Amino acid sequence: MNTKSQYAIAASTLVAILTVVAMTGSAGSANAAETSQVPESLVQEVDMLMAEEYRTSVRKIVVLPGASPGGSAVTGSYGKETDGLLDGINKGAEIGVFRKDIGGIPVSFPIPILTIPGAIFGGVSGTIKRQIQDFRDALTKDLSASAESPLSNDALATDVFWGLRDVSGLKPKVFALSTPIPEDTDAILYVSFSDSSIEVDGKVATITFTATATLRRVSDGQHLFESEIHYRDTDTLSDWIANEKAAWRDYANFARHYVGREIVAELFERVSVQQSLLPKESDTVKRVKKKIWAGVSRSQTPTLAWEHQLSDDDQQPPWANTVNEADIAYDVEIYDRHQLVYSAKKVAGSEHRVDVELEDCKTYRWSVRPSYPVDGTVRFGEWMRSNPDAANGNRGKAASEAAAYIYDFASLEIKCRRR
């Protein structure tokens, strides 16, 4: 299949699946919806990880933005080696600018005006009609007109590439679909946003974006791993479109952030292990009214602390029974309402002093994840969160309070200093 055909299929597929599902409830259900609870129909996802035998057999991997081709064919084995579009570029470079010049990768799709089924208007006030119209039009314009949209396949492929670069022993490259693949490539990873929906219930809207990741061996085209990853968040229509769609922009950024790192984790990083992670007080962080997941500090460089424990039940993998706490390191991340603002890797021990000043009069969300030594390599546990079994944390309550991805991270309020 030629490249133009692939692009046409990708574009037509996205156009076909980008839908709005609208439901009109009674006044009682509309009032209940205002609590911004995610609908019960959105079931939890099953945590699936790539088999360890495949993790150890794949060393040279190429990331392609787009869906996996049908049959046994694998795109791009033309016997001509190239350096790849981003291979060798410093991580500190302005990737957002560089991405504009990537030839051959579709950075935006012509998405038609989304339509709301007429049934939604039954019993709905004129104000809600206008909010739905504004919401639909705002998202359509954003997705179709912006070459820098976080929810494009090339943006996702770039994020996955940078994540794979941190995996020990792995040699990733990212290509446009038209770029020949080196002959010694072990596997090709196809990543793409494959589905999206907007579900309107009364005054509340739930946005869900789905991404698909497929890893295929080059030698025989065999599927080594395939995963479908969902990111959803719920808020009122008025909140979604307020402040020039600020909540929607946050959603798009967190969706790409979550999906990209989840692909890398499922493929090469995460292990299934029974662990317990809880935030605790430190010399500069105290609990708010004895709430474990809420902390407050008067210091702009607070010390974050946590408790970690591996259970000793029969469900643990054998290696977990031999791990010493001294051999475990941690990654630490702090977010504001919009983005990641601080990170530290390979932290020894169970506390970390933030080495940059956080803003006062502001509330952050933070988390840690442990890294374990497993059979001569490093594998990671889940990020610390208050509800770790709730679909990997992406069943957030309200984007106006906190993005779904960080909603159940520990909160940290930095007290206001006297001006």
Protein backbone atom coordinates (compact mmCIF):
# COMPACT_ATOMS: atom_id res chain seq x y z
CA MET A 1 0.00 0.00 0.00
CA ASN A 2 1.45 3.38 -0.92
CA THR A 3 1.84 6.25 1.49
CA LYS A 4 -0.92 8.39 0.00
CA SER A 5 -3.37 5.50 0.36
CA GLN A 6 -2.37 5.03 3.98
CA TYR A 7 -2.92 8.72 4.71
CA ALA A 8 -6.30 8.66 2.99
CA ILE A 9 -7.39 5.66 5.05
CA ALA A 10 -6.11 7.24 8.26
CA ALA A 11 -7.92 10.49 7.58
CA SER A 12 -11.15 8.83 6.52
CA THR A 13 -11.07 6.54 9.53
CA LEU A 14 -10.63 9.44 11.94
CA VAL A 15 -13.38 11.39 10.22
CA ALA A 16 -15.71 8.41 10.42
CA ILE A 17 -15.13 7.67 14.09
CA LEU A 18 -15.10 11.20 15.52
CA THR A 19 -18.70 11.25 16.76
CA VAL A 20 -20.84 12.92 19.31
CA VAL A 21 -23.14 10.70 21.31
CA ALA A 22 -25.91 12.71 22.91
CA MET A 23 -28.39 11.57 25.50
CA THR A 24 -31.29 13.51 26.89
CA GLY A 25 -32.23 12.64 30.45
CA SER A 26 -35.01 13.71 32.73
CA ALA A 27 -34.63 16.71 34.99
CA GLY A 28 -33.65 14.35 37.79
CA SER A 29 -30.88 12.71 35.80
CA ALA A 30 -29.63 16.09 34.67
CA ASN A 31 -29.30 17.20 38.27
CA ALA A 32 -27.44 14.01 39.13
CA ALA A 33 -25.13 14.56 36.19
CA GLU A 34 -24.03 17.89 37.61
CA THR A 35 -22.02 16.02 40.19
CA SER A 36 -19.67 15.32 37.22
CA GLN A 37 -19.49 11.60 37.86
CA VAL A 38 -18.19 9.47 34.99
CA PRO A 39 -20.99 7.30 33.55
CA GLU A 40 -21.12 3.73 34.81
CA SER A 41 -20.90 2.50 31.22
CA LEU A 42 -17.24 3.47 31.15
CA VAL A 43 -15.79 0.26 32.57
CA GLN A 44 -12.36 -0.18 34.08
CA GLU A 45 -9.54 -1.30 31.84
CA VAL A 46 -7.57 -4.49 32.35
CA ASP A 47 -3.85 -3.89 32.86
CA MET A 48 -2.03 -5.75 30.08
CA LEU A 49 1.74 -5.80 29.70
CA MET A 50 3.97 -7.12 26.94
CA ALA A 51 5.53 -10.51 27.69
CA GLU A 52 9.03 -10.34 29.12
CA GLU A 53 10.37 -12.64 26.38
CA TYR A 54 9.42 -10.03 23.78
CA ARG A 55 10.82 -7.20 25.89
CA THR A 56 14.23 -8.84 25.90
CA SER A 57 14.14 -9.82 22.20
CA VAL A 58 13.37 -6.35 20.84
CA ARG A 59 16.32 -3.95 20.88
CA LYS A 60 16.03 -1.88 17.71
CA ILE A 61 12.58 -0.41 17.29
CA VAL A 62 11.08 2.11 14.85
CA VAL A 63 8.05 4.20 15.82
CA LEU A 64 5.61 5.08 13.05
CA PRO A 65 2.64 7.46 13.39
CA GLY A 66 -0.36 5.59 12.06
CA ALA A 67 -2.33 2.35 12.25
CA SER A 68 -0.75 -1.02 11.68
CA PRO A 69 -1.24 -2.32 8.12
CA GLY A 70 -3.48 -5.32 7.57
CA GLY A 71 -2.25 -8.83 6.91
CA SER A 72 1.36 -9.84 7.41
CA ALA A 73 2.87 -6.82 5.65
CA VAL A 74 5.04 -4.47 7.68
CA THR A 75 5.49 -0.97 6.30
CA GLY A 76 8.91 0.20 5.25
CA SER A 77 11.47 -2.66 5.00
CA TYR A 78 13.22 -1.30 1.91
CA GLY A 79 16.81 -2.07 2.84
CA LYS A 80 17.93 1.55 2.95
CA GLU A 81 19.15 2.74 6.32
CA THR A 82 18.42 6.28 7.45
CA ASP A 83 19.08 8.19 10.65
CA GLY A 84 15.44 8.90 11.36
CA LEU A 85 13.79 12.24 11.75
CA LEU A 86 14.59 12.79 15.40
CA ASP A 87 17.49 10.42 15.98
CA GLY A 88 20.45 12.36 17.31
CA ILE A 89 18.48 15.53 18.04
CA ASN A 90 19.17 16.83 21.53
CA LYS A 91 16.31 16.28 23.92
CA GLY A 92 16.42 19.91 24.88
CA ALA A 93 15.75 21.09 21.34
CA GLU A 94 12.49 22.79 20.43
CA ILE A 95 10.71 19.68 19.24
CA GLY A 96 7.46 21.58 18.77
CA VAL A 97 9.14 23.75 16.15
CA PHE A 98 11.02 20.87 14.59
CA ARG A 99 7.84 18.88 14.20
CA LYS A 100 6.42 21.45 11.81
CA ASP A 101 9.06 20.50 9.27
CA ILE A 102 8.53 16.73 9.37
CA GLY A 103 7.56 15.74 5.85
CA GLY A 104 5.02 13.04 5.20
CA ILE A 105 3.47 12.87 8.67
CA PRO A 106 -0.12 14.11 8.78
CA VAL A 107 -0.17 16.73 11.51
CA SER A 108 -3.86 17.50 11.17
CA PHE A 109 -6.95 15.98 9.63
CA PRO A 110 -9.88 17.69 7.88
CA ILE A 111 -12.56 16.94 10.43
CA PRO A 112 -16.10 17.83 9.36
CA ILE A 113 -18.47 19.80 11.55
CA LEU A 114 -19.70 17.42 14.21
CA THR A 115 -23.45 16.95 14.37
CA ILE A 116 -25.61 16.57 17.43
CA PRO A 117 -28.56 14.18 17.01
CA GLY A 118 -31.82 16.08 17.10
CA ALA A 119 -33.01 14.05 20.09
CA ILE A 120 -30.72 16.00 22.37
CA PHE A 121 -32.91 19.06 22.03
CA GLY A 122 -35.96 17.41 23.53
CA GLY A 123 -36.58 19.07 26.88
CA VAL A 124 -33.29 20.92 26.80
CA SER A 125 -33.25 24.69 27.29
CA GLY A 126 -32.03 27.15 24.72
CA THR A 127 -29.00 27.96 26.89
CA ILE A 128 -27.87 24.33 26.89
CA LYS A 129 -28.42 24.14 23.13
CA ARG A 130 -26.08 27.07 22.62
CA GLN A 131 -23.48 25.58 25.00
CA ILE A 132 -23.53 22.31 23.08
CA GLN A 133 -23.17 24.16 19.80
CA ASP A 134 -20.26 26.24 21.15
CA PHE A 135 -18.60 23.15 22.59
CA ARG A 136 -18.92 21.16 19.38
CA ASP A 137 -17.69 24.00 17.18
CA ALA A 138 -14.77 24.84 19.47
CA LEU A 139 -13.43 21.26 19.47
CA THR A 140 -13.95 20.86 15.74
CA LYS A 141 -12.03 24.06 15.00
CA ASP A 142 -9.20 23.10 17.34
CA LEU A 143 -8.73 19.62 15.88
CA SER A 144 -9.04 20.54 12.22
CA ALA A 145 -7.10 23.83 12.09
CA SER A 146 -4.15 23.35 14.41
CA ALA A 147 -1.01 21.69 13.07
CA GLU A 148 0.33 21.81 16.61
CA SER A 149 -2.58 19.86 18.12
CA PRO A 150 -1.38 17.50 20.86
CA LEU A 151 -3.93 14.99 19.60
CA SER A 152 -2.20 14.22 16.31
CA ASN A 153 -0.44 11.00 15.45
CA ASP A 154 2.96 12.61 14.90
CA ALA A 155 2.79 14.30 18.31
CA LEU A 156 1.97 10.97 19.95
CA ALA A 157 4.77 9.18 18.05
CA THR A 158 7.24 11.83 19.20
CA ASP A 159 6.25 11.40 22.85
CA VAL A 160 6.53 7.62 22.61
CA PHE A 161 9.95 7.93 20.97
CA TRP A 162 11.32 10.08 23.82
CA GLY A 163 9.88 7.66 26.36
CA LEU A 164 11.51 4.68 24.67
CA ARG A 165 14.88 6.47 24.69
CA ASP A 166 14.86 6.16 28.49
CA VAL A 167 14.46 2.37 28.35
CA SER A 168 17.82 0.73 29.04
CA GLY A 169 19.20 -1.24 26.08
CA LEU A 170 16.57 -0.06 23.63
CA LYS A 171 17.50 1.80 20.44
CA PRO A 172 14.41 3.59 19.13
CA LYS A 173 13.96 5.76 16.05
CA VAL A 174 10.93 7.65 14.80
CA PHE A 175 10.13 7.91 11.09
CA ALA A 176 7.61 9.30 8.70
CA LEU A 177 5.57 6.58 7.00
CA SER A 178 7.47 7.09 3.74
CA THR A 179 10.93 6.66 5.28
CA PRO A 180 12.72 3.34 4.54
CA ILE A 181 13.26 1.17 7.60
CA PRO A 182 16.78 -0.11 8.45
CA GLU A 183 17.24 -3.80 7.67
CA ASP A 184 18.38 -4.64 11.20
CA THR A 185 15.17 -3.30 12.80
CA ASP A 186 13.67 -5.82 15.20
CA ALA A 187 10.15 -4.42 15.39
CA ILE A 188 7.93 -1.54 14.29
CA LEU A 189 5.62 0.21 16.72
CA TYR A 190 2.57 1.82 15.12
CA VAL A 191 0.85 4.43 17.30
CA SER A 192 -2.24 6.45 16.48
CA PHE A 193 -5.31 8.09 17.94
CA SER A 194 -7.97 5.69 16.72
CA ASP A 195 -11.25 6.84 18.22
CA SER A 196 -12.90 9.74 19.99
CA SER A 197 -16.29 10.55 21.39
CA ILE A 198 -18.12 13.31 23.20
CA GLU A 199 -20.96 12.09 25.39
CA VAL A 200 -23.40 14.77 26.49
CA ASP A 201 -25.73 14.12 29.41
CA GLY A 202 -27.70 17.16 30.47
CA LYS A 203 -25.21 19.92 31.25
CA VAL A 204 -22.27 17.51 31.48
CA ALA A 205 -19.94 16.27 28.74
CA THR A 206 -17.46 13.39 28.85
CA ILE A 207 -14.66 13.43 26.28
CA THR A 208 -12.87 10.17 25.47
CA PHE A 209 -9.90 9.76 23.16
CA THR A 210 -8.60 6.29 22.35
CA ALA A 211 -5.15 5.44 21.07
CA THR A 212 -3.92 2.16 19.62
CA ALA A 213 -0.37 0.83 19.85
CA THR A 214 0.70 -2.20 17.83
CA LEU A 215 4.18 -3.73 17.94
CA ARG A 216 5.04 -6.01 15.02
CA ARG A 217 8.17 -8.00 14.36
CA VAL A 218 9.82 -7.04 11.09
CA SER A 219 11.09 -10.51 10.12
CA ASP A 220 7.67 -12.16 9.88
CA GLY A 221 5.10 -9.44 10.60
CA GLN A 222 3.93 -11.14 13.81
CA HIS A 223 1.99 -9.05 16.31
CA LEU A 224 4.05 -9.02 19.52
CA PHE A 225 1.75 -6.67 21.41
CA GLU A 226 -1.36 -4.60 20.86
CA SER A 227 -3.04 -2.24 23.27
CA GLU A 228 -5.96 0.17 23.25
CA ILE A 229 -5.56 3.03 25.70
CA HIS A 230 -8.34 5.41 26.70
CA TYR A 231 -8.19 8.85 28.25
CA ARG A 232 -11.43 10.46 29.37
CA ASP A 233 -12.53 13.34 31.52
CA THR A 234 -15.86 14.81 32.54
CA ASP A 235 -16.99 18.35 33.23
CA THR A 236 -19.89 20.68 32.64
CA LEU A 237 -20.32 22.12 29.19
CA SER A 238 -19.86 25.64 30.52
CA ASP A 239 -16.56 24.70 32.17
CA TRP A 240 -15.28 22.98 29.02
CA ILE A 241 -15.67 26.13 26.93
CA ALA A 242 -14.92 28.79 29.56
CA ASN A 243 -11.78 30.95 29.37
CA GLU A 244 -11.27 30.30 25.67
CA LYS A 245 -11.53 26.51 26.05
CA ALA A 246 -8.84 26.31 28.75
CA ALA A 247 -10.20 23.02 30.13
CA TRP A 248 -10.23 21.48 26.66
CA ARG A 249 -6.63 22.51 26.03
CA ASP A 250 -5.62 20.98 29.36
CA TYR A 251 -7.49 17.82 28.41
CA ALA A 252 -5.64 17.55 25.10
CA ASN A 253 -2.23 18.01 26.73
CA PHE A 254 -2.90 15.53 29.54
CA ALA A 255 -4.43 13.00 27.13
CA ARG A 256 -1.29 12.98 24.98
CA HIS A 257 0.94 12.89 28.07
CA TYR A 258 -0.93 9.99 29.63
CA VAL A 259 -1.34 7.93 26.47
CA GLY A 260 2.29 8.34 25.37
CA ARG A 261 3.78 7.22 28.67
CA GLU A 262 1.21 4.44 29.08
CA ILE A 263 2.27 2.93 25.75
CA VAL A 264 5.91 2.91 26.83
CA ALA A 265 5.05 1.49 30.27
CA GLU A 266 2.92 -1.36 28.93
CA LEU A 267 5.51 -2.28 26.34
CA PHE A 268 8.80 -2.12 28.22
CA GLU A 269 8.65 -0.61 31.71
CA ARG A 270 5.90 -1.71 34.05
CA VAL A 271 5.72 -4.91 36.03
CA SER A 272 2.69 -6.41 37.75
CA VAL A 273 3.55 -6.23 41.42
CA GLN A 274 1.51 -5.88 44.60
CA GLN A 275 2.71 -2.62 46.12
CA SER A 276 1.46 0.01 48.53
CA LEU A 277 2.39 3.69 48.15
CA LEU A 278 1.11 6.44 50.45
CA PRO A 279 2.18 10.05 51.00
CA LYS A 280 3.31 10.95 54.50
CA GLU A 281 4.25 14.03 56.45
CA SER A 282 7.75 15.48 56.45
CA ASP A 283 9.50 18.28 58.31
CA THR A 284 8.01 20.80 55.85
CA VAL A 285 4.75 19.14 54.70
CA LYS A 286 1.84 18.56 57.08
CA ARG A 287 -1.49 16.89 56.48
CA VAL A 288 -4.61 18.97 56.01
CA LYS A 289 -7.11 17.98 58.73
CA LYS A 290 -5.56 14.51 58.94
CA LYS A 291 -6.26 13.81 55.28
CA ILE A 292 -3.57 11.46 54.00
CA TRP A 293 -3.77 12.69 50.40
CA ALA A 294 -3.78 16.41 51.16
CA GLY A 295 -0.65 18.22 52.33
CA VAL A 296 0.25 21.82 53.07
CA SER A 297 3.64 23.54 53.32
CA ARG A 298 4.99 26.98 54.14
CA SER A 299 8.19 26.19 52.25
CA GLN A 300 8.53 26.79 48.53
CA THR A 301 11.09 23.97 48.41
CA PRO A 302 9.21 21.36 50.44
CA THR A 303 10.39 17.86 51.26
CA LEU A 304 8.03 15.24 49.84
CA ALA A 305 7.86 11.93 51.70
CA TRP A 306 6.10 8.63 51.09
CA GLU A 307 5.70 5.11 52.43
CA HIS A 308 6.33 2.11 50.19
CA GLN A 309 5.67 -1.53 50.88
CA LEU A 310 5.65 -4.75 48.87
CA SER A 311 3.05 -7.25 50.03
CA ASP A 312 4.11 -10.81 50.81
CA ASP A 313 1.09 -12.59 49.33
CA ASP A 314 1.14 -15.44 46.84
CA GLN A 315 0.35 -13.18 43.88
CA GLN A 316 3.76 -11.54 43.94
CA PRO A 317 6.31 -12.45 41.26
CA PRO A 318 9.28 -14.42 42.67
CA TRP A 319 11.76 -11.54 42.30
CA ALA A 320 9.67 -9.31 44.57
CA ASN A 321 10.49 -11.48 47.58
CA THR A 322 14.19 -10.77 47.21
CA VAL A 323 14.10 -7.00 46.66
CA ASN A 324 15.63 -4.81 49.35
CA GLU A 325 14.26 -1.32 49.94
CA ALA A 326 17.78 0.05 49.49
CA ASP A 327 17.73 -1.24 45.88
CA ILE A 328 14.54 0.65 45.01
CA ALA A 329 14.75 4.12 43.45
CA TYR A 330 11.89 6.51 42.74
CA ASP A 331 10.76 8.94 40.08
CA VAL A 332 9.06 12.07 41.46
CA GLU A 333 6.69 14.35 39.54
CA ILE A 334 4.80 17.53 40.44
CA TYR A 335 2.01 19.03 38.34
CA ASP A 336 0.10 22.28 38.44
CA ARG A 337 -3.40 22.42 36.99
CA HIS A 338 -2.09 22.46 33.43
CA GLN A 339 1.16 20.54 33.08
CA LEU A 340 4.18 18.83 34.58
CA VAL A 341 6.28 21.46 36.38
CA TYR A 342 8.93 19.37 38.17
CA SER A 343 10.46 15.92 37.93
CA ALA A 344 13.33 14.03 39.54
CA LYS A 345 14.55 10.56 38.60
CA LYS A 346 16.36 7.79 40.46
CA VAL A 347 15.71 9.28 43.89
CA ALA A 348 17.20 7.11 46.64
CA GLY A 349 15.24 6.72 49.85
CA SER A 350 11.62 7.61 50.58
CA GLU A 351 11.78 11.40 50.59
CA HIS A 352 12.90 14.16 48.27
CA ARG A 353 13.49 17.88 48.74
CA VAL A 354 12.25 19.86 45.76
CA ASP A 355 15.23 21.81 44.46
CA VAL A 356 13.33 24.57 42.66
CA GLU A 357 10.97 27.08 44.20
CA LEU A 358 7.28 26.33 43.78
CA GLU A 359 4.85 29.24 43.62
CA ASP A 360 3.15 30.22 46.84
CA CYS A 361 -0.65 30.53 47.08
CA LYS A 362 -0.93 27.56 44.74
CA THR A 363 -2.00 23.91 44.98
CA TYR A 364 -0.06 21.21 43.15
CA ARG A 365 -0.49 17.47 42.59
CA TRP A 366 2.42 15.09 43.02
CA SER A 367 3.23 11.42 42.75
CA VAL A 368 6.10 8.93 42.79
CA ARG A 369 6.71 5.55 41.18
CA PRO A 370 9.23 2.92 42.29
CA SER A 371 11.80 1.30 40.03
CA TYR A 372 12.75 -2.28 40.81
CA PRO A 373 15.84 -4.30 39.82
CA VAL A 374 14.44 -7.29 37.92
CA ASP A 375 16.73 -9.93 36.45
CA GLY A 376 19.51 -7.49 35.64
CA THR A 377 17.25 -4.75 34.28
CA VAL A 378 15.02 -1.99 35.67
CA ARG A 379 11.23 -2.23 35.78
CA PHE A 380 8.67 0.18 37.25
CA GLY A 381 5.65 -0.09 39.47
CA GLU A 382 2.50 2.05 39.21
CA TRP A 383 2.44 5.74 40.09
CA MET A 384 1.23 6.53 43.62
CA ARG A 385 -2.45 7.44 43.59
CA SER A 386 -5.41 7.29 45.94
CA ASN A 387 -7.48 5.04 43.65
CA PRO A 388 -4.98 2.89 41.74
CA ASP A 389 -7.59 0.38 40.51
CA ALA A 390 -9.78 2.96 38.75
CA ALA A 391 -8.75 2.47 35.13
CA ASN A 392 -5.20 3.73 35.66
CA GLY A 393 -6.49 6.96 37.12
CA ASN A 394 -8.21 8.27 33.99
CA ARG A 395 -11.74 8.37 35.45
CA GLY A 396 -11.38 11.91 36.73
CA LYS A 397 -14.38 13.68 38.25
CA ALA A 398 -14.09 17.20 36.88
CA ALA A 399 -11.56 18.93 34.70
CA SER A 400 -12.33 22.19 36.47
CA GLU A 401 -11.00 20.77 39.74
CA ALA A 402 -8.08 18.73 38.41
CA ALA A 403 -7.32 16.95 35.16
CA ALA A 404 -8.32 13.30 35.15
CA TYR A 405 -4.72 12.07 35.02
CA ILE A 406 -3.67 13.87 38.21
CA TYR A 407 -7.03 13.92 39.98
CA ASP A 408 -6.12 11.24 42.53
CA PHE A 409 -2.47 12.23 42.97
CA ALA A 410 -1.52 13.68 46.36
CA SER A 411 -2.25 17.41 46.64
CA LEU A 412 0.24 19.93 48.00
CA GLU A 413 -0.76 23.46 48.91
CA ILE A 414 2.00 26.04 49.20
CA LYS A 415 0.86 28.63 51.71
CA CYS A 416 0.77 32.31 50.82
CA ARG A 417 3.61 34.43 52.07
CA ARG A 418 2.94 37.89 53.43
CA ARG A 419 3.35 40.44 50.69
